[in-house]
């Protein structure tokens, strides 16, 4: 099945769901502005970013004053006009938000792409916490079409902590379509080409990037199969707020002050270990949802996840690197927290030793502050994460998207989904439209964090539960963009009536 055929099948199936999403809430900006006051303005646009001394054409999502993304105050509504000045069609998913179906930012028959030069209005009640926004069309996310989306609470204001937001990326000078073609052998016969157009789309980029050959163990400089199973692509750089450690962002902080780190793993296919160095940190939220405090100096984050970490800086001040090291490798990126007058030395872009895989050790320690209530499960599913590297096709229940079997539930039901990973790589699984509680890991029950993205390790499993309170067709997919592009996605269809 070709991408175009897959897309057509999706559009046909989605056409029957127009009544689910409250489509009337999604109006052209010119119409909506007649009755809505003072919307915030965002624009998707091209920009030139210098990486390691070389210019690169990438995307950005910015306010008129150049601010990347959105930072909303307590009680502020998500009232946004989004202008597309990217030079091509686009759509932006509000990752972590639970808006009406029509405003989720995934294109299908009911939710068209935003044409180049057009604008789109959004109006819904935002979900508090550390979230982000990114393209859900083609491979634009790899070209940095992403930005923070922070919704502050009154409690955030009262805690008297300086906010520092860090958006992590993996970066390539190469056209993302060429990156994917290097993995698939140039063919895209399965999946990915759903309504948001995942698959062969990419915007032009020059440069070269070596690709890992998962079928050939020779000539890899002694690289083990375990290392190859962690990462599909060798990227040119790893970015924290658009910068490498050759020229990191230095954030001025107060001696003895408190800092709330809002960390977002916006990488396309890279999991990171967060290394706080000499500082002790306390995780207080996961994917924007409060958790019982968990202390430490090193925490794992997979693609799509967010962590809020509170830091207490020493009274005598200093410079404190906050680093993110790629799993299985030595490469790292990060920012520097520095008090006034502190000497800021150079931080190497390579750690002394390769990191291990990001695992479930943090997930097992997280406990929701606002867990699900006790009630019977009305709909239970088990899905298998399948596929592999040769051929490079990733699937759910051996079916690429477009040939998938949707998970159908009724509004109001308690839903449980167990994801069993039978594939040779780990997968960060993200559900749109709902936040879920992690209720079991590898078959062991727990009252885990409330999240929207959870790691399912190789040969492992994760069970999630939630109350289906948001009608619509909601993607459930791997947040490794290259895995999703080749098929690892299905849908949760929440029907309006009980």
Protein backbone atom coordinates (compact mmCIF):
# COMPACT_ATOMS: atom_id res chain seq x y z
CA UNK A 1 0.00 0.00 0.00
CA UNK A 2 1.39 3.40 -0.93
CA UNK A 3 1.38 6.44 1.35
CA UNK A 4 -1.24 8.08 -0.88
CA UNK A 5 -3.49 5.04 -0.66
CA UNK A 6 -3.06 4.91 3.10
CA UNK A 7 -3.92 8.61 3.36
CA UNK A 8 -7.05 8.13 1.27
CA UNK A 9 -8.20 5.25 3.46
CA UNK A 10 -7.72 7.42 6.54
CA UNK A 11 -9.64 10.31 5.04
CA UNK A 12 -12.50 8.00 4.15
CA UNK A 13 -12.66 6.55 7.65
CA UNK A 14 -12.40 9.97 9.28
CA UNK A 15 -15.21 11.44 7.20
CA UNK A 16 -17.76 9.64 9.35
CA UNK A 17 -16.55 11.42 12.52
CA UNK A 18 -17.29 15.05 11.66
CA UNK A 19 -19.84 15.31 14.45
CA UNK A 20 -17.36 14.22 17.11
CA UNK A 21 -15.09 17.20 17.31
CA UNK A 22 -17.12 20.32 17.70
CA UNK A 23 -15.86 21.49 14.34
CA UNK A 24 -17.64 24.81 14.75
CA UNK A 25 -15.00 25.78 17.34
CA UNK A 26 -12.30 25.71 14.68
CA UNK A 27 -12.87 28.73 12.49
CA UNK A 28 -10.75 30.79 10.10
CA UNK A 29 -9.03 33.58 11.95
CA UNK A 30 -10.85 36.25 9.90
CA UNK A 31 -14.23 34.86 10.99
CA UNK A 32 -13.37 34.18 14.61
CA UNK A 33 -11.80 37.58 15.19
CA UNK A 34 -15.22 39.18 14.69
CA UNK A 35 -16.41 37.76 18.01
CA UNK A 36 -13.27 36.89 19.98
CA UNK A 37 -11.15 39.60 21.60
CA UNK A 38 -7.37 39.92 21.53
CA UNK A 39 -6.15 36.47 20.50
CA UNK A 40 -2.48 35.68 20.90
CA UNK A 41 -0.62 35.56 17.61
CA UNK A 42 1.74 32.82 16.54
CA UNK A 43 3.43 32.29 13.18
CA UNK A 44 5.04 29.21 11.68
CA UNK A 45 7.94 30.49 9.61
CA UNK A 46 11.33 29.75 8.15
CA UNK A 47 14.45 30.94 9.92
CA UNK A 48 18.20 30.51 9.59
CA UNK A 49 19.94 28.83 12.52
CA UNK A 50 23.70 28.61 12.88
CA UNK A 51 24.82 25.19 14.10
CA UNK A 52 28.51 24.55 14.65
CA UNK A 53 29.37 27.55 12.51
CA UNK A 54 27.18 26.50 9.58
CA UNK A 55 23.84 28.07 8.59
CA UNK A 56 20.80 25.83 8.37
CA UNK A 57 17.30 26.61 7.14
CA UNK A 58 14.83 25.41 9.76
CA UNK A 59 11.35 26.26 11.01
CA UNK A 60 10.20 28.20 14.05
CA UNK A 61 6.89 28.89 15.83
CA UNK A 62 7.11 32.40 17.17
CA UNK A 63 5.17 35.33 18.54
CA UNK A 64 5.48 38.75 16.84
CA UNK A 65 8.20 39.79 19.31
CA UNK A 66 10.28 36.72 18.45
CA UNK A 67 9.38 34.67 21.53
CA UNK A 68 9.39 30.97 20.71
CA UNK A 69 6.09 29.29 21.60
CA UNK A 70 3.58 30.34 24.26
CA UNK A 71 3.74 31.03 27.99
CA UNK A 72 0.25 31.40 29.49
CA UNK A 73 -0.53 32.86 32.89
CA UNK A 74 -2.87 31.24 35.44
CA UNK A 75 -6.44 31.34 34.17
CA UNK A 76 -5.48 32.55 30.71
CA UNK A 77 -7.44 30.95 27.87
CA UNK A 78 -5.80 29.28 24.87
CA UNK A 79 -7.02 31.90 22.40
CA UNK A 80 -4.61 31.81 19.47
CA UNK A 81 -4.43 32.83 15.85
CA UNK A 82 -1.82 30.72 14.06
CA UNK A 83 -0.45 32.07 10.77
CA UNK A 84 1.34 29.76 8.39
CA UNK A 85 4.30 31.53 6.79
CA UNK A 86 6.38 28.37 6.42
CA UNK A 87 6.33 28.30 2.61
CA UNK A 88 4.41 25.03 2.65
CA UNK A 89 1.28 23.52 4.21
CA UNK A 90 1.52 22.74 7.91
CA UNK A 91 -0.44 21.79 11.01
CA UNK A 92 0.58 22.23 14.67
CA UNK A 93 -0.30 19.72 17.39
CA UNK A 94 -0.64 21.16 20.89
CA UNK A 95 1.17 18.31 22.66
CA UNK A 96 -0.15 17.90 26.21
CA UNK A 97 -3.35 19.81 25.60
CA UNK A 98 -6.70 17.98 25.59
CA UNK A 99 -8.74 20.28 23.32
CA UNK A 100 -11.89 19.41 21.37
CA UNK A 101 -11.10 16.93 18.62
CA UNK A 102 -11.22 19.52 15.84
CA UNK A 103 -8.51 21.64 17.48
CA UNK A 104 -5.93 18.94 18.25
CA UNK A 105 -3.65 19.82 15.34
CA UNK A 106 -3.75 16.59 13.32
CA UNK A 107 -5.08 16.90 9.78
CA UNK A 108 -7.76 14.59 8.41
CA UNK A 109 -11.02 14.92 6.46
CA UNK A 110 -12.52 17.09 9.20
CA UNK A 111 -9.38 19.07 10.07
CA UNK A 112 -7.55 20.37 7.00
CA UNK A 113 -3.96 21.46 6.86
CA UNK A 114 -3.28 25.17 7.18
CA UNK A 115 -2.32 26.27 3.70
CA UNK A 116 0.76 28.40 3.23
CA UNK A 117 -0.23 32.02 3.75
CA UNK A 118 -3.44 31.17 5.63
CA UNK A 119 -4.31 31.48 9.33
CA UNK A 120 -6.28 29.35 11.76
CA UNK A 121 -7.98 30.26 15.03
CA UNK A 122 -8.04 28.15 18.23
CA UNK A 123 -10.05 28.69 21.40
CA UNK A 124 -10.15 26.23 24.30
CA UNK A 125 -9.37 25.83 27.98
CA UNK A 126 -5.68 24.94 28.30
CA UNK A 127 -4.32 22.19 30.48
CA UNK A 128 -1.82 23.47 33.08
CA UNK A 129 1.80 22.40 33.02
CA UNK A 130 4.88 22.04 30.84
CA UNK A 131 3.83 21.11 27.33
CA UNK A 132 4.97 21.86 23.78
CA UNK A 133 3.79 22.37 20.22
CA UNK A 134 5.10 20.71 17.10
CA UNK A 135 4.24 19.88 13.52
CA UNK A 136 2.11 16.83 12.88
CA UNK A 137 2.64 16.92 9.12
CA UNK A 138 5.31 15.00 7.26
CA UNK A 139 8.78 15.28 8.75
CA UNK A 140 8.62 18.99 9.59
CA UNK A 141 9.21 18.26 13.27
CA UNK A 142 12.75 17.13 12.40
CA UNK A 143 13.33 20.61 10.96
CA UNK A 144 12.59 22.15 14.37
CA UNK A 145 8.94 23.07 13.76
CA UNK A 146 8.42 22.96 17.52
CA UNK A 147 8.28 25.30 20.51
CA UNK A 148 7.42 25.34 24.23
CA UNK A 149 3.82 25.58 25.44
CA UNK A 150 3.83 26.50 29.13
CA UNK A 151 0.62 26.99 31.14
CA UNK A 152 1.41 28.33 34.59
CA UNK A 153 -0.70 27.74 37.69
CA UNK A 154 -1.31 29.92 40.73
CA UNK A 155 0.81 27.44 42.70
CA UNK A 156 3.70 28.03 40.29
CA UNK A 157 3.53 31.73 41.07
CA UNK A 158 3.53 31.11 44.82
CA UNK A 159 6.57 28.83 44.87
CA UNK A 160 8.96 31.77 44.26
CA UNK A 161 11.19 29.95 41.80
CA UNK A 162 12.82 31.26 38.64
CA UNK A 163 11.49 29.41 35.59
CA UNK A 164 13.97 28.05 33.07
CA UNK A 165 12.50 26.25 30.05
CA UNK A 166 14.72 23.96 27.96
CA UNK A 167 13.61 22.42 24.65
CA UNK A 168 15.87 19.59 23.48
CA UNK A 169 16.32 18.58 19.84
CA UNK A 170 18.37 16.29 17.65
CA UNK A 171 19.57 18.05 14.51
CA UNK A 172 20.68 17.13 11.01
CA UNK A 173 21.82 19.26 8.07
CA UNK A 174 20.34 16.60 5.80
CA UNK A 175 16.85 16.63 4.29
CA UNK A 176 14.72 14.52 6.67
CA UNK A 177 13.23 12.69 3.68
CA UNK A 178 16.72 11.51 2.78
CA UNK A 179 17.28 10.41 6.38
CA UNK A 180 14.16 8.27 6.25
CA UNK A 181 14.99 6.96 2.77
CA UNK A 182 18.39 5.89 4.09
CA UNK A 183 16.64 3.71 6.66
CA UNK A 184 13.91 2.32 4.42
CA UNK A 185 16.07 1.83 1.37
CA UNK A 186 14.14 4.53 -0.45
CA UNK A 187 10.79 2.76 -0.28
CA UNK A 188 7.77 3.70 1.82
CA UNK A 189 5.28 0.95 1.14
CA UNK A 190 3.60 1.00 4.54
CA UNK A 191 1.95 3.23 7.05
CA UNK A 192 2.63 6.67 8.26
CA UNK A 193 0.76 8.51 5.53
CA UNK A 194 -2.26 9.34 7.64
CA UNK A 195 -4.17 12.58 7.56
CA UNK A 196 -1.18 14.47 8.90
CA UNK A 197 0.91 13.26 6.02
CA UNK A 198 3.65 11.32 7.81
CA UNK A 199 5.97 9.72 5.39
CA UNK A 200 8.13 11.04 2.65
CA UNK A 201 7.66 14.76 3.20
CA UNK A 202 10.71 16.84 3.88
CA UNK A 203 12.04 20.30 3.22
CA UNK A 204 15.34 20.80 1.46
CA UNK A 205 18.53 20.55 3.44
CA UNK A 206 22.02 19.95 2.26
CA UNK A 207 24.88 18.28 4.02
CA UNK A 208 25.76 14.71 4.82
CA UNK A 209 24.95 12.46 7.72
CA UNK A 210 26.04 8.84 8.16
CA UNK A 211 23.18 6.42 8.66
CA UNK A 212 23.36 3.32 10.80
CA UNK A 213 23.12 0.10 8.81
CA UNK A 214 21.13 -2.25 11.03
CA UNK A 215 21.62 -5.17 8.64
CA UNK A 216 25.43 -5.06 8.56
CA UNK A 217 27.52 -5.62 11.66
CA UNK A 218 30.83 -5.12 9.84
CA UNK A 219 32.58 -1.81 9.49
CA UNK A 220 30.82 -0.30 12.50
CA UNK A 221 33.95 0.35 14.57
CA UNK A 222 33.06 -2.29 17.13
CA UNK A 223 29.55 -0.94 17.72
CA UNK A 224 27.42 -3.55 19.42
CA UNK A 225 23.96 -4.60 18.37
CA UNK A 226 22.67 -3.25 21.69
CA UNK A 227 23.95 0.22 20.82
CA UNK A 228 22.45 0.02 17.36
CA UNK A 229 19.11 -0.91 18.85
CA UNK A 230 19.03 2.35 20.80
CA UNK A 231 19.53 4.84 17.97
CA UNK A 232 18.62 4.71 14.29
CA UNK A 233 20.40 7.88 13.17
CA UNK A 234 23.73 9.60 13.78
CA UNK A 235 22.79 13.27 14.05
CA UNK A 236 25.04 16.21 13.33
CA UNK A 237 24.26 17.97 16.61
CA UNK A 238 22.10 17.97 19.72
CA UNK A 239 20.49 21.23 20.74
CA UNK A 240 19.21 22.83 23.93
CA UNK A 241 17.17 25.92 23.09
CA UNK A 242 18.69 25.86 19.58
CA UNK A 243 22.31 25.83 20.82
CA UNK A 244 25.08 23.28 21.25
CA UNK A 245 27.63 23.13 24.06
CA UNK A 246 30.09 24.91 21.76
CA UNK A 247 28.03 28.04 22.50
CA UNK A 248 25.48 27.18 25.19
CA UNK A 249 22.79 29.41 26.58
CA UNK A 250 23.90 30.88 29.90
CA UNK A 251 20.99 31.67 32.22
CA UNK A 252 21.68 34.11 35.06
CA UNK A 253 20.34 32.88 38.39
CA UNK A 254 20.50 34.07 42.00
CA UNK A 255 22.82 32.78 44.70
CA UNK A 256 20.77 30.62 47.02
CA UNK A 257 17.77 30.92 44.72
CA UNK A 258 15.29 28.33 43.54
CA UNK A 259 14.91 27.31 39.91
CA UNK A 260 12.08 25.41 38.27
CA UNK A 261 13.49 23.60 35.24
CA UNK A 262 10.84 22.91 32.62
CA UNK A 263 12.50 20.27 30.44
CA UNK A 264 10.98 19.18 27.12
CA UNK A 265 12.37 16.34 25.03
CA UNK A 266 11.41 17.56 21.56
CA UNK A 267 13.90 15.31 19.76
CA UNK A 268 12.76 13.35 16.74
CA UNK A 269 14.32 10.03 17.72
CA UNK A 270 16.66 10.59 20.68
CA UNK A 271 16.13 9.78 24.36
CA UNK A 272 18.25 11.69 26.87
CA UNK A 273 19.63 11.31 30.37
CA UNK A 274 19.27 14.60 32.25
CA UNK A 275 22.42 15.21 34.31
CA UNK A 276 22.23 17.92 36.98
CA UNK A 277 25.92 17.61 37.87
CA UNK A 278 26.60 18.99 41.34
CA UNK A 279 22.98 19.94 42.00
CA UNK A 280 20.28 17.86 43.62
CA UNK A 281 16.95 18.09 41.84
CA UNK A 282 13.39 17.23 42.77
CA UNK A 283 11.00 16.05 40.07
CA UNK A 284 7.62 17.63 40.83
CA UNK A 285 5.73 17.06 37.56
CA UNK A 286 5.78 14.65 34.62
CA UNK A 287 4.18 15.64 31.31
CA UNK A 288 2.72 18.67 33.09
CA UNK A 289 1.01 16.66 35.86
CA UNK A 290 2.10 16.93 39.52
CA UNK A 291 3.81 13.92 41.10
CA UNK A 292 5.03 13.05 44.57
CA UNK A 293 8.53 14.58 44.83
CA UNK A 294 11.38 12.38 43.59
CA UNK A 295 14.96 13.52 44.22
CA UNK A 296 18.14 12.76 42.34
CA UNK A 297 20.77 14.10 39.97
CA UNK A 298 20.10 12.02 36.87
CA UNK A 299 16.74 11.37 35.19
CA UNK A 300 15.73 9.74 31.91
CA UNK A 301 13.43 11.35 29.33
CA UNK A 302 12.17 9.84 26.10
CA UNK A 303 10.82 11.72 23.10
CA UNK A 304 7.69 13.75 23.80
CA UNK A 305 8.07 13.66 27.60
CA UNK A 306 8.48 16.61 29.94
CA UNK A 307 9.88 16.90 33.46
CA UNK A 308 9.59 19.77 35.94
CA UNK A 309 12.57 19.72 38.30
CA UNK A 310 13.07 22.07 41.28
CA UNK A 311 16.64 23.10 42.10
CA UNK A 312 17.99 24.85 45.20
CA UNK A 313 21.14 26.76 44.27
CA UNK A 314 23.99 27.05 46.80
CA UNK A 315 24.38 30.30 48.70
CA UNK A 316 27.91 30.83 47.42
CA UNK A 317 26.78 30.63 43.80
CA UNK A 318 28.71 29.30 40.83
CA UNK A 319 28.17 27.94 37.32
CA UNK A 320 26.10 24.77 36.95
CA UNK A 321 25.78 22.87 33.65
CA UNK A 322 22.39 21.20 33.12
CA UNK A 323 23.15 18.49 30.60
CA UNK A 324 21.23 16.06 28.42
CA UNK A 325 23.25 13.04 27.24
CA UNK A 326 22.06 10.85 24.42
CA UNK A 327 21.27 7.30 25.50
CA UNK A 328 23.85 4.77 24.39
CA UNK A 329 26.30 7.48 23.35
CA UNK A 330 28.68 10.17 24.64
CA UNK A 331 27.10 13.14 22.83
CA UNK A 332 25.37 15.71 25.00
CA UNK A 333 23.89 19.17 25.00
CA UNK A 334 22.62 21.55 27.64
CA UNK A 335 22.52 24.98 29.22
CA UNK A 336 24.50 26.67 31.99
CA UNK A 337 22.96 28.19 35.13
CA UNK A 338 25.35 30.86 36.44
CA UNK A 339 25.19 33.36 39.27
CA UNK A 340 26.54 36.89 38.88
CA UNK A 341 30.32 36.97 38.63
CA UNK A 342 30.70 33.19 38.31
CA UNK A 343 33.30 31.95 35.85
CA UNK A 344 31.67 29.94 33.07
CA UNK A 345 34.10 27.38 31.73
CA UNK A 346 33.81 25.26 28.61
CA UNK A 347 31.67 22.13 28.85
CA UNK A 348 32.65 19.37 26.45
CA UNK A 349 30.08 18.11 23.96
CA UNK A 350 31.18 14.55 24.69
CA UNK A 351 30.84 12.89 28.08
CA UNK A 352 33.65 10.76 29.46
CA UNK A 353 31.67 7.56 28.87
CA UNK A 354 28.68 6.41 26.88
CA UNK A 355 25.34 6.44 28.67
CA UNK A 356 23.22 3.35 29.06
CA UNK A 357 19.67 3.10 27.78
CA UNK A 358 16.89 5.18 29.27
CA UNK A 359 14.87 2.68 31.27
CA UNK A 360 11.88 2.59 33.61
CA UNK A 361 13.79 3.38 36.81
CA UNK A 362 12.32 6.88 37.11
CA UNK A 363 8.87 5.76 35.96
CA UNK A 364 8.72 3.20 38.76
CA UNK A 365 9.40 5.95 41.32
CA UNK A 366 6.73 8.37 40.10
CA UNK A 367 3.38 8.57 41.88
CA UNK A 368 0.54 10.83 40.78
CA UNK A 369 -0.62 13.54 43.17
CA UNK A 370 -4.06 13.38 41.54
CA UNK A 371 -4.58 9.70 40.63
CA UNK A 372 -7.59 8.14 38.96
CA UNK A 373 -10.51 7.31 41.19
CA UNK A 374 -11.34 3.68 41.83
CA UNK A 375 -13.91 2.37 39.36
CA UNK A 376 -14.38 -0.70 37.11
CA UNK A 377 -12.68 -0.85 33.74
CA UNK A 378 -15.28 -0.67 30.98
CA UNK A 379 -13.00 -1.28 27.99
CA UNK A 380 -9.67 -3.15 28.09
CA UNK A 381 -7.25 -3.62 25.20
CA UNK A 382 -3.89 -5.27 24.65
CA UNK A 383 -1.83 -4.12 21.69
CA UNK A 384 1.52 -5.39 20.46
CA UNK A 385 4.31 -3.09 19.31
CA UNK A 386 5.78 -4.87 16.32
CA UNK A 387 7.97 -4.37 13.27
CA UNK A 388 11.70 -4.01 12.93
CA UNK A 389 14.72 -2.59 11.18
CA UNK A 390 15.07 -4.84 8.13
CA UNK A 391 12.82 -3.86 6.51
CA UNK A 392 12.50 -0.59 8.41
CA UNK A 393 8.77 -0.79 9.15
CA UNK A 394 7.26 -0.26 12.61
CA UNK A 395 3.72 -1.40 13.30
CA UNK A 396 1.06 -2.12 15.91
CA UNK A 397 -0.28 -5.69 15.94
CA UNK A 398 1.74 -6.23 12.72
CA UNK A 399 -0.40 -3.61 10.96
CA UNK A 400 0.88 -0.25 9.70
CA UNK A 401 -1.34 2.77 10.08
CA UNK A 402 -4.03 2.73 7.42
CA UNK A 403 -4.48 -1.00 7.96
CA UNK A 404 -4.91 -0.54 11.72
CA UNK A 405 -7.77 -1.67 13.93
CA UNK A 406 -9.02 1.34 15.92
CA UNK A 407 -9.66 0.97 19.64
CA UNK A 408 -13.30 2.00 20.02
CA UNK A 409 -14.67 3.19 23.37
CA UNK A 410 -17.71 5.09 24.61
CA UNK A 411 -17.52 8.45 26.28
CA UNK A 412 -17.38 8.07 30.05
CA UNK A 413 -15.82 4.59 30.08
CA UNK A 414 -12.78 3.73 32.15
CA UNK A 415 -10.30 2.45 29.58
CA UNK A 416 -7.21 0.28 30.10
CA UNK A 417 -4.58 -0.31 27.39
CA UNK A 418 -1.66 -2.70 27.80
CA UNK A 419 1.15 -2.17 25.30
CA UNK A 420 3.46 -5.16 24.87
CA UNK A 421 6.70 -4.47 23.02
CA UNK A 422 7.67 -7.39 20.77
CA UNK A 423 9.95 -5.27 18.57
CA UNK A 424 13.76 -4.81 18.80
CA UNK A 425 13.63 -1.18 19.98
CA UNK A 426 12.00 0.80 22.80
CA UNK A 427 9.04 3.06 21.95
CA UNK A 428 7.74 6.23 23.64
CA UNK A 429 3.99 5.86 23.16
CA UNK A 430 1.89 9.05 23.06
CA UNK A 431 -1.90 9.31 23.24
CA UNK A 432 -3.70 12.39 21.94
CA UNK A 433 -6.82 13.86 23.54
CA UNK A 434 -6.47 12.19 26.95
CA UNK A 435 -3.98 12.03 29.79
CA UNK A 436 -3.58 8.58 31.37
CA UNK A 437 -2.22 7.10 34.56
CA UNK A 438 0.54 4.51 34.32
CA UNK A 439 -0.93 1.54 36.20
CA UNK A 440 1.55 -1.28 35.49
CA UNK A 441 5.10 -1.70 34.18
CA UNK A 442 6.26 -5.08 32.94
CA UNK A 443 3.18 -6.62 34.56
CA UNK A 444 3.79 -5.12 38.01
CA UNK A 445 0.96 -2.89 39.20
CA UNK A 446 1.65 0.62 40.48
CA UNK A 447 -0.13 3.92 41.04
CA UNK A 448 2.16 5.76 38.65
CA UNK A 449 2.32 9.20 37.11
CA UNK A 450 -0.42 10.80 35.05
CA UNK A 451 1.13 11.37 31.63
CA UNK A 452 0.51 11.54 27.90
CA UNK A 453 3.71 9.72 26.83
CA UNK A 454 5.19 6.56 28.34
CA UNK A 455 8.22 4.44 27.50
CA UNK A 456 7.59 0.81 26.55
CA UNK A 457 11.01 -0.86 26.62
CA UNK A 458 12.15 -3.67 24.39
CA UNK A 459 10.72 -6.96 25.71
CA UNK A 460 8.66 -4.96 28.20
CA UNK A 461 5.14 -3.70 28.67
CA UNK A 462 3.23 -0.76 30.07
CA UNK A 463 -0.42 -0.50 31.08
CA UNK A 464 -2.23 2.82 31.10
CA UNK A 465 -5.72 3.77 32.27
CA UNK A 466 -7.92 6.83 31.80
CA UNK A 467 -11.52 7.96 31.69
CA UNK A 468 -12.55 8.55 28.08
CA UNK A 469 -14.05 12.01 28.46
CA UNK A 470 -13.02 13.61 25.16
CA UNK A 471 -14.90 12.42 22.05
CA UNK A 472 -12.95 12.12 18.82
CA UNK A 473 -10.47 10.05 16.83
CA UNK A 474 -7.25 10.25 18.81
CA UNK A 475 -3.90 9.01 17.50
CA UNK A 476 -1.96 6.57 19.68
CA UNK A 477 1.55 6.40 18.27
CA UNK A 478 5.26 6.07 18.86
CA UNK A 479 6.84 9.49 19.36
CA UNK A 480 9.94 8.44 17.47
CA UNK A 481 8.91 10.32 14.32
CA UNK A 482 10.68 7.84 12.04
CA UNK A 483 8.84 4.92 13.62
CA UNK A 484 5.51 6.70 13.30
CA UNK A 485 6.32 7.64 9.71
CA UNK A 486 6.63 3.97 8.79
CA UNK A 487 3.46 2.86 10.51
CA UNK A 488 3.56 2.63 14.32
CA UNK A 489 0.23 4.29 15.01
CA UNK A 490 -3.39 3.40 15.65
CA UNK A 491 -6.43 5.36 16.83
CA UNK A 492 -8.51 5.54 19.98
CA UNK A 493 -12.03 6.33 18.78
CA UNK A 494 -14.09 7.80 21.62
CA UNK A 495 -17.74 7.83 20.62
CA UNK A 496 -20.05 10.53 21.90
CA UNK A 497 -22.85 8.34 23.28
CA UNK A 498 -22.74 5.80 26.10
